[in-house]
Amino acid sequence: MRLQVLVWVLVCFCLNSLWAQKYSSTYEKEIIKLYEKDSINYNLFENLLVIDSSMTKDLVSKYQNRVDTVLRTFPEKEDKEKREKKRIRDIYNVLHQHFLKKYDLNAYFNDIFQNGNYNCVTASALYVYAFEELDIPYHIKETPSHVFLIAYPETYKIYLETTVPGQYGFIVPNDNEIRKIIDELISYKLVTKDEVLSSGYSKFYEEYFYGKEYITKQSLIGMQYYNKGVVTFKEEKYEEALSNFRKATIYYHSPVLKLFVKNSMMLQLDFLELNTREDIHLLKEAFDVLVFEDDLGENELKYLMNKIVTHDDNNTDFITYVIDEFSLLKNEKIKNLGLAYFYEYLARDQATDENSEEALLYSGKLLEINPKSKIAKKIIEYFCFRDLSYSTFDEESLESFKTITDRYEFIKETERYHVYLAQLCASISFQKFINKDINEAKEYLLEFENIVDTHEKVFNKVNKQLISQLYLKAGNYYYYKGQYRNSYTIFSKGLSYFEGNHPELQKKAQWSKEEF
């Protein structure tokens, strides 16, 4: 029987050469590839048997002939219900007697013919083949841990428990038997008492066993691979387990497969060094399969990415290659989390080495993915003001400052921005007054005053000596030109910033006032 698992996720995926499917034999590969090309016209018997690595076409024919020989002994379909039910019972019993000798949880279809071992999947597959050959309508029913058949699901509704020989495997139950069967389901916690009572035993039995939900015959092929995958997974043969689970998905859509595919894949990824391009391809292709949050949590993702950035072999060039690969991911969430992680790493790394150009580049990339990144903003702000503090505080410096702050608008929201802008304007204005570029000097002086007057805390953080020199230089220009009212206005404005406590500006303001 298959393991009971509570998660239902439909899996369907395709991986390329680096996650290439491995096959137990060339014959198995040939048959599976043929099925993938044409899933309607295929040989059920052959697809069931190629799970055995030693299987050959001759053996398939031999085993199929053995079954066909037995099937030819059965009479034609009967018109009367009673006689047809008896015929089905005979078919059921004869096949059991001829082929099914011993129940084995880990049996495969080939075991039926080699030693008579079987389980619910392989026994059901044998009866499915027989019913199709004998034109007997059927449904394959699946419960969380079992598979069984219903013959004549629309009319006679014959329950066939393929793992139980004799009278208990062939059931057309009465009311008492129905109640017993349902109570057993309740005891196994496959259904709840409330579910049963809400519709009644008979109706619930009808819906549960004969409802419209049933699986396809090819699902039995997939179930074999699923069972084999579970066995190899328990043996910690994760690569082989993944191979079997992937084969299972070709035939079988199940609530359990994705979980095992994910676990097998994650365990394989854990063994990767993640220091080669091939490893990164493997990682990328796994991420294209795994569903973020359902299969792959953020902590697991960060663990794998951390392996990349902390590996001694992986330099900046390799990380940028990883970024290029991640940018091609189909899953937007994984892609963005990955790119943000690697850009943040590179931005921090370059910032630590004081490489402003590269640090700003990667921080900018990080902001494109995560506009709220505090790390990116801090790095950009740091280098913006660091580079400015190394400059000559001239017009070229101001132009560079405005260029980067226009690109990163968040800098303008900081107090530091207004302090540096005021400092720049004051410095340029001072130089302009020295060079007698009076009109431009006045413009920069007015811009400085506008910043300081609008942001009250700025003046306390600018260079006080520069500001006093600026107002003394500007006021002196007009004073010695005989424009005393202008000089008085400038000296007084400068003095106001120092709250009247600047002897030189106070003296010059008084002189100007006395002159007019």
Protein backbone atom coordinates (compact mmCIF):
# COMPACT_ATOMS: atom_id res chain seq x y z
CA MET A 1 0.00 0.00 0.00
CA ARG A 2 1.10 3.55 -0.59
CA LEU A 3 1.95 5.85 2.29
CA GLN A 4 -0.78 8.20 3.54
CA VAL A 5 0.20 11.85 3.13
CA LEU A 6 -2.06 14.79 3.95
CA VAL A 7 -0.81 17.36 1.42
CA TRP A 8 -2.45 17.68 -2.01
CA VAL A 9 -0.42 19.53 -4.67
CA LEU A 10 -0.68 18.76 -8.37
CA VAL A 11 2.77 18.46 -9.96
CA CYS A 12 3.65 18.77 -13.59
CA PHE A 13 7.09 19.91 -14.67
CA CYS A 14 9.83 19.53 -17.24
CA LEU A 15 13.56 19.74 -16.50
CA ASN A 16 16.36 19.99 -19.04
CA SER A 17 19.61 18.10 -19.45
CA LEU A 18 21.24 18.99 -16.14
CA TRP A 19 18.34 17.43 -14.25
CA ALA A 20 18.05 14.77 -16.97
CA GLN A 21 15.82 11.83 -16.16
CA LYS A 22 17.68 8.65 -15.36
CA TYR A 23 16.30 5.29 -16.49
CA SER A 24 16.86 1.78 -15.23
CA SER A 25 17.27 0.50 -18.78
CA THR A 26 17.20 1.60 -22.41
CA TYR A 27 13.96 -0.32 -22.79
CA GLU A 28 12.31 1.62 -19.97
CA LYS A 29 13.43 4.91 -21.50
CA GLU A 30 12.06 3.90 -24.90
CA ILE A 31 8.63 2.97 -23.50
CA ILE A 32 8.31 6.06 -21.30
CA LYS A 33 9.30 8.35 -24.18
CA LEU A 34 6.71 6.69 -26.41
CA TYR A 35 4.06 7.25 -23.74
CA GLU A 36 5.02 10.93 -23.43
CA LYS A 37 4.51 11.32 -27.18
CA ASP A 38 1.22 9.42 -27.24
CA SER A 39 -0.57 8.88 -23.92
CA ILE A 40 -3.65 7.43 -25.62
CA ASN A 41 -2.27 4.61 -27.71
CA TYR A 42 0.10 2.76 -25.43
CA ASN A 43 0.62 -0.77 -24.15
CA LEU A 44 -0.47 -0.87 -20.48
CA PHE A 45 1.19 -4.22 -19.89
CA GLU A 46 4.50 -3.06 -21.27
CA ASN A 47 4.50 0.24 -19.34
CA LEU A 48 3.80 -1.65 -16.12
CA LEU A 49 6.67 -4.09 -16.62
CA VAL A 50 9.56 -1.83 -17.68
CA ILE A 51 10.07 -0.73 -14.08
CA ASP A 52 12.12 -3.95 -13.90
CA SER A 53 15.61 -3.10 -15.22
CA SER A 54 16.02 -6.63 -16.63
CA MET A 55 12.78 -6.54 -18.61
CA THR A 56 12.84 -7.33 -22.34
CA LYS A 57 10.26 -7.28 -25.09
CA ASP A 58 10.31 -11.08 -25.17
CA LEU A 59 9.54 -11.29 -21.46
CA VAL A 60 6.68 -8.78 -21.84
CA SER A 61 5.19 -10.94 -24.60
CA LYS A 62 5.68 -14.09 -22.54
CA TYR A 63 3.95 -12.63 -19.44
CA GLN A 64 1.16 -11.09 -21.48
CA ASN A 65 0.52 -14.39 -23.25
CA ARG A 66 0.23 -16.13 -19.88
CA VAL A 67 -2.56 -13.77 -18.87
CA ASP A 68 -4.23 -13.89 -22.29
CA THR A 69 -4.26 -17.70 -22.16
CA VAL A 70 -6.22 -17.59 -18.91
CA LEU A 71 -8.57 -14.91 -20.19
CA ARG A 72 -9.50 -17.03 -23.20
CA THR A 73 -10.98 -19.62 -20.84
CA PHE A 74 -13.73 -17.29 -19.66
CA PRO A 75 -17.18 -17.33 -21.26
CA GLU A 76 -18.67 -14.39 -23.14
CA LYS A 77 -20.51 -11.60 -21.33
CA GLU A 78 -23.86 -12.66 -19.90
CA ASP A 79 -27.05 -10.63 -20.38
CA LYS A 80 -28.64 -11.52 -17.08
CA GLU A 81 -27.39 -9.67 -14.00
CA LYS A 82 -27.07 -12.71 -11.77
CA ARG A 83 -25.11 -14.69 -14.33
CA GLU A 84 -22.84 -11.74 -15.18
CA LYS A 85 -22.07 -11.19 -11.49
CA LYS A 86 -21.18 -14.85 -11.22
CA ARG A 87 -18.92 -14.52 -14.28
CA ILE A 88 -17.12 -11.55 -12.69
CA ARG A 89 -16.71 -13.52 -9.47
CA ASP A 90 -15.20 -16.43 -11.43
CA ILE A 91 -12.82 -14.12 -13.31
CA TYR A 92 -11.79 -12.53 -10.02
CA ASN A 93 -11.13 -15.88 -8.32
CA VAL A 94 -9.35 -17.55 -11.25
CA LEU A 95 -6.94 -14.65 -11.77
CA HIS A 96 -6.17 -14.62 -8.05
CA GLN A 97 -5.53 -18.39 -8.04
CA HIS A 98 -3.33 -18.32 -11.14
CA PHE A 99 -1.18 -15.24 -10.47
CA LEU A 100 -1.51 -13.72 -6.99
CA LYS A 101 0.30 -15.83 -4.40
CA LYS A 102 1.61 -13.55 -1.63
CA TYR A 103 0.90 -9.98 -0.60
CA ASP A 104 4.03 -7.80 -0.53
CA LEU A 105 3.88 -4.07 0.16
CA ASN A 106 6.92 -3.41 -2.05
CA ALA A 107 5.97 -5.68 -4.97
CA TYR A 108 6.01 -4.53 -8.60
CA PHE A 109 4.07 -5.76 -11.61
CA ASN A 110 6.85 -8.04 -12.81
CA ASP A 111 6.84 -9.83 -9.43
CA ILE A 112 3.39 -11.23 -10.20
CA PHE A 113 4.92 -13.34 -12.97
CA GLN A 114 8.26 -14.06 -11.32
CA ASN A 115 7.20 -15.14 -7.83
CA GLY A 116 3.49 -14.32 -7.42
CA ASN A 117 4.05 -11.37 -5.06
CA TYR A 118 1.59 -8.49 -5.40
CA ASN A 119 0.05 -5.45 -3.69
CA CYS A 120 -3.09 -3.39 -4.25
CA VAL A 121 -1.54 -1.43 -7.12
CA THR A 122 -0.14 -4.33 -9.11
CA ALA A 123 -3.14 -6.62 -8.47
CA SER A 124 -5.49 -3.86 -9.57
CA ALA A 125 -3.39 -3.38 -12.70
CA LEU A 126 -3.75 -7.08 -13.53
CA TYR A 127 -7.55 -6.91 -13.20
CA VAL A 128 -7.70 -3.67 -15.21
CA TYR A 129 -5.88 -5.36 -18.06
CA ALA A 130 -8.23 -8.35 -17.84
CA PHE A 131 -11.39 -6.22 -17.69
CA GLU A 132 -10.37 -4.25 -20.75
CA GLU A 133 -9.63 -7.41 -22.68
CA LEU A 134 -12.99 -8.88 -21.62
CA ASP A 135 -14.91 -5.65 -22.19
CA ILE A 136 -15.96 -5.28 -18.56
CA PRO A 137 -16.61 -1.66 -17.50
CA TYR A 138 -14.74 -0.60 -14.37
CA HIS A 139 -13.56 2.30 -12.25
CA ILE A 140 -10.29 2.46 -10.33
CA LYS A 141 -10.92 4.02 -6.94
CA GLU A 142 -8.23 5.56 -4.76
CA THR A 143 -8.26 6.24 -1.02
CA PRO A 144 -5.38 7.88 0.88
CA SER A 145 -3.67 4.51 1.38
CA HIS A 146 -5.31 2.02 -0.96
CA VAL A 147 -6.55 1.23 -4.47
CA PHE A 148 -9.49 -0.98 -5.41
CA LEU A 149 -11.83 -1.60 -8.36
CA ILE A 150 -15.53 -1.25 -9.06
CA ALA A 151 -16.82 -3.48 -11.86
CA TYR A 152 -19.93 -2.24 -13.65
CA PRO A 153 -19.85 1.09 -11.73
CA GLU A 154 -23.05 2.36 -13.38
CA THR A 155 -25.15 -0.76 -12.87
CA TYR A 156 -24.12 -3.75 -10.73
CA LYS A 157 -21.54 -1.84 -8.69
CA ILE A 158 -19.36 -4.77 -7.78
CA TYR A 159 -16.64 -3.89 -5.26
CA LEU A 160 -13.39 -5.79 -5.92
CA GLU A 161 -10.78 -5.82 -3.18
CA THR A 162 -7.84 -7.04 -5.27
CA THR A 163 -5.59 -7.86 -2.32
CA VAL A 164 -8.05 -10.25 -0.62
CA PRO A 165 -8.64 -13.66 -2.23
CA GLY A 166 -11.93 -15.51 -1.90
CA GLN A 167 -15.37 -14.28 -0.93
CA TYR A 168 -14.19 -11.16 0.96
CA GLY A 169 -12.56 -9.69 -2.09
CA PHE A 170 -15.77 -9.72 -4.15
CA ILE A 171 -18.54 -7.64 -2.55
CA VAL A 172 -22.05 -6.61 -3.52
CA PRO A 173 -23.02 -5.58 0.03
CA ASN A 174 -26.38 -5.44 1.74
CA ASP A 175 -27.36 -2.72 4.24
CA ASN A 176 -25.70 -4.42 7.22
CA GLU A 177 -22.47 -4.92 5.29
CA ILE A 178 -22.56 -1.31 4.13
CA ARG A 179 -22.81 -0.09 7.72
CA LYS A 180 -19.91 -2.35 8.73
CA ILE A 181 -17.74 -1.08 5.88
CA ILE A 182 -18.44 2.60 6.66
CA ASP A 183 -17.87 2.11 10.39
CA GLU A 184 -14.49 0.63 9.52
CA LEU A 185 -13.65 3.73 7.45
CA ILE A 186 -14.59 5.88 10.46
CA SER A 187 -12.41 3.81 12.78
CA TYR A 188 -9.45 4.27 10.42
CA LYS A 189 -10.21 8.03 10.40
CA LEU A 190 -10.54 8.02 6.62
CA VAL A 191 -13.94 9.69 7.06
CA THR A 192 -15.72 11.33 10.00
CA LYS A 193 -18.89 10.30 11.76
CA ASP A 194 -20.45 13.70 11.01
CA GLU A 195 -19.81 13.28 7.28
CA VAL A 196 -21.57 9.93 7.30
CA LEU A 197 -24.54 11.02 9.40
CA SER A 198 -25.12 14.14 7.30
CA SER A 199 -26.08 12.02 4.28
CA GLY A 200 -26.81 8.57 5.75
CA TYR A 201 -24.89 5.30 5.47
CA SER A 202 -26.32 4.13 2.16
CA LYS A 203 -25.92 7.44 0.35
CA PHE A 204 -22.47 8.01 1.79
CA TYR A 205 -21.39 4.51 0.75
CA GLU A 206 -22.74 5.14 -2.73
CA GLU A 207 -20.88 8.44 -3.09
CA TYR A 208 -17.66 7.23 -1.51
CA PHE A 209 -17.25 3.98 -3.40
CA TYR A 210 -19.18 4.62 -6.59
CA GLY A 211 -18.99 8.38 -7.00
CA LYS A 212 -17.66 10.12 -10.05
CA GLU A 213 -14.15 10.46 -8.67
CA TYR A 214 -11.86 7.77 -10.02
CA ILE A 215 -8.35 7.52 -11.41
CA THR A 216 -7.07 6.44 -14.82
CA LYS A 217 -5.42 3.13 -15.56
CA GLN A 218 -2.09 4.84 -16.31
CA SER A 219 -2.14 6.10 -12.72
CA LEU A 220 -1.33 2.54 -11.69
CA ILE A 221 1.90 2.78 -13.67
CA GLY A 222 2.77 5.99 -11.87
CA MET A 223 1.89 4.51 -8.49
CA GLN A 224 4.51 1.82 -8.99
CA TYR A 225 7.17 4.46 -9.54
CA TYR A 226 5.87 6.42 -6.59
CA ASN A 227 6.15 3.32 -4.36
CA LYS A 228 9.66 2.66 -5.61
CA GLY A 229 10.56 6.30 -4.98
CA VAL A 230 9.35 6.03 -1.38
CA VAL A 231 11.50 2.95 -0.82
CA THR A 232 14.65 4.57 -2.24
CA PHE A 233 13.90 7.80 -0.37
CA LYS A 234 13.81 5.90 2.92
CA GLU A 235 17.14 4.34 1.96
CA GLU A 236 18.50 7.90 1.51
CA LYS A 237 19.11 7.28 -2.20
CA TYR A 238 17.75 10.71 -3.00
CA GLU A 239 18.88 10.93 -6.62
CA GLU A 240 17.27 7.58 -7.43
CA ALA A 241 14.18 8.55 -5.44
CA LEU A 242 13.83 11.80 -7.37
CA SER A 243 14.17 9.89 -10.65
CA ASN A 244 11.33 7.54 -9.67
CA PHE A 245 9.09 10.33 -8.41
CA ARG A 246 9.58 12.20 -11.68
CA LYS A 247 8.62 9.10 -13.67
CA ALA A 248 5.56 8.79 -11.47
CA THR A 249 4.42 12.31 -12.42
CA ILE A 250 4.36 11.31 -16.08
CA TYR A 251 1.53 8.87 -15.41
CA TYR A 252 0.02 9.89 -12.11
CA HIS A 253 -1.34 13.14 -10.70
CA SER A 254 -1.25 12.78 -6.95
CA PRO A 255 -1.39 14.85 -3.77
CA VAL A 256 1.83 13.28 -2.51
CA LEU A 257 4.31 13.48 -5.35
CA LYS A 258 5.25 17.13 -5.16
CA LEU A 259 6.18 16.79 -1.51
CA PHE A 260 8.58 13.93 -2.24
CA VAL A 261 9.96 15.62 -5.37
CA LYS A 262 10.64 18.72 -3.32
CA ASN A 263 12.30 16.83 -0.46
CA SER A 264 14.43 14.74 -2.81
CA MET A 265 15.47 17.79 -4.76
CA MET A 266 16.27 19.83 -1.66
CA LEU A 267 18.40 17.03 -0.25
CA GLN A 268 20.30 16.81 -3.54
CA LEU A 269 20.77 20.58 -3.58
CA ASP A 270 22.16 20.43 -0.07
CA PHE A 271 25.05 18.31 -1.34
CA LEU A 272 26.01 20.83 -4.02
CA GLU A 273 29.02 23.05 -3.38
CA LEU A 274 27.38 25.81 -5.46
CA ASN A 275 30.75 26.99 -6.70
CA THR A 276 30.48 25.99 -10.37
CA ARG A 277 28.29 27.11 -13.23
CA GLU A 278 26.84 23.61 -13.47
CA ASP A 279 25.79 23.77 -9.81
CA ILE A 280 24.10 27.12 -10.41
CA HIS A 281 22.23 25.66 -13.40
CA LEU A 282 21.02 22.84 -11.16
CA LEU A 283 19.90 25.33 -8.55
CA LYS A 284 18.14 27.54 -11.10
CA GLU A 285 16.26 24.64 -12.65
CA ALA A 286 15.21 23.35 -9.24
CA PHE A 287 13.83 26.80 -8.44
CA ASP A 288 11.81 26.70 -11.65
CA VAL A 289 10.14 23.53 -10.32
CA LEU A 290 9.74 24.26 -6.62
CA VAL A 291 6.82 26.39 -5.50
CA PHE A 292 7.95 29.20 -3.25
CA GLU A 293 6.50 29.08 0.28
CA ASP A 294 4.73 25.77 -0.38
CA ASP A 295 7.89 23.81 -1.27
CA LEU A 296 10.66 26.27 -0.56
CA GLY A 297 10.56 28.65 2.39
CA GLU A 298 12.46 31.91 2.58
CA ASN A 299 14.89 30.47 5.14
CA GLU A 300 15.71 27.52 2.86
CA LEU A 301 16.22 29.90 -0.04
CA LYS A 302 18.54 32.13 1.98
CA TYR A 303 20.47 29.11 3.21
CA LEU A 304 21.26 28.10 -0.37
CA MET A 305 22.12 31.65 -1.42
CA ASN A 306 24.34 32.06 1.60
CA LYS A 307 26.28 28.96 0.50
CA ILE A 308 27.03 30.77 -2.74
CA VAL A 309 28.26 34.06 -1.29
CA THR A 310 30.29 32.48 1.52
CA HIS A 311 32.11 29.91 -0.60
CA ASP A 312 35.82 30.74 -0.81
CA ASP A 313 35.91 30.08 -4.57
CA ASN A 314 33.11 32.50 -5.46
CA ASN A 315 34.32 36.00 -6.33
CA THR A 316 32.41 39.04 -7.58
CA ASP A 317 32.49 37.82 -11.19
CA PHE A 318 30.92 34.52 -10.15
CA ILE A 319 28.21 36.27 -8.11
CA THR A 320 27.34 38.48 -11.09
CA TYR A 321 27.06 35.30 -13.18
CA VAL A 322 24.67 33.91 -10.57
CA ILE A 323 22.65 37.13 -10.82
CA ASP A 324 22.39 36.70 -14.60
CA GLU A 325 21.08 33.16 -14.09
CA PHE A 326 18.60 34.20 -11.41
CA SER A 327 17.25 36.95 -13.65
CA LEU A 328 15.99 34.17 -15.97
CA LEU A 329 13.97 32.39 -13.27
CA LYS A 330 10.28 31.88 -14.01
CA ASN A 331 9.20 32.24 -10.39
CA GLU A 332 9.04 35.99 -9.76
CA LYS A 333 9.18 35.72 -5.96
CA ILE A 334 12.26 33.51 -5.92
CA LYS A 335 13.88 35.62 -8.62
CA ASN A 336 13.34 38.91 -6.79
CA LEU A 337 14.39 37.54 -3.42
CA GLY A 338 17.50 36.03 -4.99
CA LEU A 339 18.48 39.14 -6.92
CA ALA A 340 17.90 41.34 -3.87
CA TYR A 341 20.04 39.01 -1.75
CA PHE A 342 22.96 38.97 -4.19
CA TYR A 343 22.82 42.70 -4.98
CA GLU A 344 22.80 43.47 -1.26
CA TYR A 345 25.79 41.19 -0.76
CA LEU A 346 27.75 42.86 -3.59
CA ALA A 347 26.74 46.34 -2.43
CA ARG A 348 27.93 45.60 1.12
CA ASP A 349 31.12 43.96 -0.16
CA GLN A 350 32.04 46.88 -2.41
CA ALA A 351 31.08 49.40 0.26
CA THR A 352 33.39 47.66 2.73
CA ASP A 353 36.23 48.05 0.22
CA GLU A 354 35.25 51.71 -0.29
CA ASN A 355 34.58 51.12 -4.00
CA SER A 356 31.97 53.83 -4.43
CA GLU A 357 31.19 53.32 -8.12
CA GLU A 358 30.48 49.59 -7.74
CA ALA A 359 28.74 50.01 -4.39
CA LEU A 360 26.41 52.63 -5.88
CA LEU A 361 25.76 50.44 -8.92
CA TYR A 362 24.70 47.40 -6.89
CA SER A 363 22.77 49.50 -4.38
CA GLY A 364 20.85 51.06 -7.26
CA LYS A 365 20.06 47.62 -8.63
CA LEU A 366 18.89 46.57 -5.19
CA LEU A 367 16.56 49.57 -4.97
CA GLU A 368 14.99 48.65 -8.31
CA ILE A 369 13.94 45.33 -6.80
CA ASN A 370 13.25 46.55 -3.28
CA PRO A 371 12.61 50.32 -3.18
CA LYS A 372 12.42 50.18 0.62
CA SER A 373 15.84 48.61 1.15
CA LYS A 374 17.45 50.41 4.10
CA ILE A 375 20.83 48.89 3.30
CA ALA A 376 20.82 50.25 -0.26
CA LYS A 377 19.75 53.69 0.93
CA LYS A 378 22.41 53.83 3.63
CA ILE A 379 25.16 52.82 1.20
CA ILE A 380 24.05 55.33 -1.43
CA GLU A 381 23.74 58.08 1.17
CA TYR A 382 27.12 57.24 2.62
CA PHE A 383 28.99 57.44 -0.69
CA CYS A 384 27.04 60.44 -1.86
CA PHE A 385 28.16 62.49 1.14
CA ARG A 386 31.57 60.84 1.41
CA ASP A 387 32.47 61.76 -2.15
CA LEU A 388 31.12 65.26 -1.60
CA SER A 389 33.17 65.70 1.57
CA TYR A 390 36.29 64.87 -0.49
CA SER A 391 35.38 67.46 -3.14
CA THR A 392 36.36 71.15 -3.43
CA PHE A 393 32.77 72.28 -2.88
CA ASP A 394 32.66 74.10 -6.19
CA GLU A 395 30.06 74.21 -8.96
CA GLU A 396 31.24 70.91 -10.40
CA SER A 397 30.75 69.31 -6.98
CA LEU A 398 27.27 70.81 -6.76
CA GLU A 399 26.37 69.47 -10.20
CA SER A 400 27.52 65.95 -9.26
CA PHE A 401 25.63 66.20 -5.97
CA LYS A 402 22.42 67.26 -7.71
CA THR A 403 22.79 64.50 -10.31
CA ILE A 404 22.99 61.72 -7.73
CA THR A 405 20.27 63.20 -5.51
CA ASP A 406 17.96 63.59 -8.51
CA ARG A 407 18.55 59.92 -9.23
CA TYR A 408 17.93 58.91 -5.62
CA GLU A 409 15.14 61.20 -4.43
CA PHE A 410 15.08 59.67 -0.96
CA ILE A 411 18.34 61.52 -0.14
CA LYS A 412 16.48 64.84 -0.42
CA GLU A 413 14.28 63.78 2.47
CA THR A 414 17.25 63.72 4.85
CA GLU A 415 18.48 66.65 6.94
CA ARG A 416 22.00 65.86 5.84
CA TYR A 417 21.05 66.66 2.25
CA HIS A 418 20.01 70.21 3.17
CA VAL A 419 23.13 70.70 5.30
CA TYR A 420 25.45 69.72 2.43
CA LEU A 421 23.46 71.69 -0.11
CA ALA A 422 23.64 74.78 2.10
CA GLN A 423 27.38 74.22 2.58
CA LEU A 424 27.88 73.94 -1.18
CA CYS A 425 25.93 77.09 -1.95
CA ALA A 426 27.81 79.02 0.76
CA SER A 427 31.18 77.83 -0.49
CA ILE A 428 30.43 78.63 -4.13
CA SER A 429 28.97 82.04 -3.22
CA PHE A 430 32.11 82.87 -1.22
CA GLN A 431 34.36 81.97 -4.19
CA LYS A 432 32.16 83.98 -6.53
CA PHE A 433 32.48 87.07 -4.32
CA ILE A 434 36.27 86.59 -4.24
CA ASN A 435 36.31 86.35 -8.06
CA LYS A 436 33.93 89.33 -8.37
CA ASP A 437 31.25 87.19 -10.10
CA ILE A 438 28.70 89.20 -8.16
CA ASN A 439 25.47 88.17 -9.85
CA GLU A 440 26.19 84.48 -9.46
CA ALA A 441 27.52 85.07 -5.98
CA LYS A 442 24.21 86.70 -5.01
CA GLU A 443 22.22 83.81 -6.50
CA TYR A 444 24.11 81.20 -4.49
CA LEU A 445 23.86 83.36 -1.37
CA LEU A 446 20.07 83.60 -1.78
CA GLU A 447 19.87 79.83 -2.31
CA PHE A 448 21.87 79.28 0.88
CA GLU A 449 19.55 81.60 2.82
CA ASN A 450 16.46 79.91 1.44
CA ILE A 451 17.71 76.50 2.63
CA VAL A 452 18.71 77.74 6.08
CA ASP A 453 15.54 79.78 6.58
CA THR A 454 13.34 76.86 5.51
CA HIS A 455 15.12 74.17 7.58
CA GLU A 456 15.80 75.61 11.02
CA LYS A 457 18.27 72.96 12.20
CA VAL A 458 20.55 73.22 9.18
CA PHE A 459 22.52 76.29 10.29
CA ASN A 460 23.70 74.54 13.45
CA LYS A 461 25.43 71.89 11.32
CA VAL A 462 27.12 73.97 8.63
CA ASN A 463 30.67 75.33 8.84
CA LYS A 464 30.26 78.49 10.95
CA GLN A 465 33.61 79.90 9.96
CA LEU A 466 32.71 79.61 6.26
CA ILE A 467 29.38 81.36 6.86
CA SER A 468 30.93 84.25 8.77
CA GLN A 469 33.58 84.67 6.04
CA LEU A 470 30.87 84.60 3.37
CA TYR A 471 28.81 87.38 4.96
CA LEU A 472 31.87 89.45 5.78
CA LYS A 473 33.11 89.07 2.21
CA ALA A 474 29.71 89.86 0.65
CA GLY A 475 29.05 92.81 2.98
CA ASN A 476 32.56 94.23 2.45
CA TYR A 477 32.05 94.14 -1.31
CA TYR A 478 29.10 96.53 -1.07
CA TYR A 479 30.65 98.54 1.80
CA TYR A 480 33.75 99.43 -0.19
CA LYS A 481 31.54 100.17 -3.20
CA GLY A 482 29.79 102.73 -1.05
CA GLN A 483 26.52 100.79 -1.13
CA TYR A 484 26.02 101.01 2.62
CA ARG A 485 22.38 99.99 2.74
CA ASN A 486 23.22 96.78 0.84
CA SER A 487 26.21 96.07 3.05
CA TYR A 488 24.13 96.73 6.16
CA THR A 489 21.44 94.29 4.94
CA ILE A 490 24.03 91.55 4.33
CA PHE A 491 25.93 92.09 7.57
CA SER A 492 22.65 92.10 9.51
CA LYS A 493 21.41 88.92 7.79
CA GLY A 494 24.63 87.11 8.65
CA LEU A 495 24.49 88.45 12.19
CA SER A 496 20.93 87.07 12.59
CA TYR A 497 22.17 83.54 12.04
CA PHE A 498 24.63 83.99 14.90
CA GLU A 499 21.84 85.46 17.04
CA GLY A 500 23.69 88.78 17.21
CA ASN A 501 26.73 87.15 18.75
CA HIS A 502 29.44 87.81 16.17
CA PRO A 503 31.63 90.85 16.98
CA GLU A 504 33.02 91.38 13.47
CA LEU A 505 29.65 91.22 11.72
CA GLN A 506 28.16 93.38 14.46
CA LYS A 507 30.87 95.99 14.02
CA LYS A 508 30.55 96.04 10.22
CA ALA A 509 26.79 96.30 10.40
CA GLN A 510 27.15 99.28 12.77
CA TRP A 511 29.65 101.01 10.44
CA SER A 512 27.33 100.53 7.46
CA LYS A 513 24.40 101.94 9.40
CA GLU A 514 26.42 104.98 10.46
CA GLU A 515 27.36 105.68 6.84
CA PHE A 516 23.74 106.10 5.75
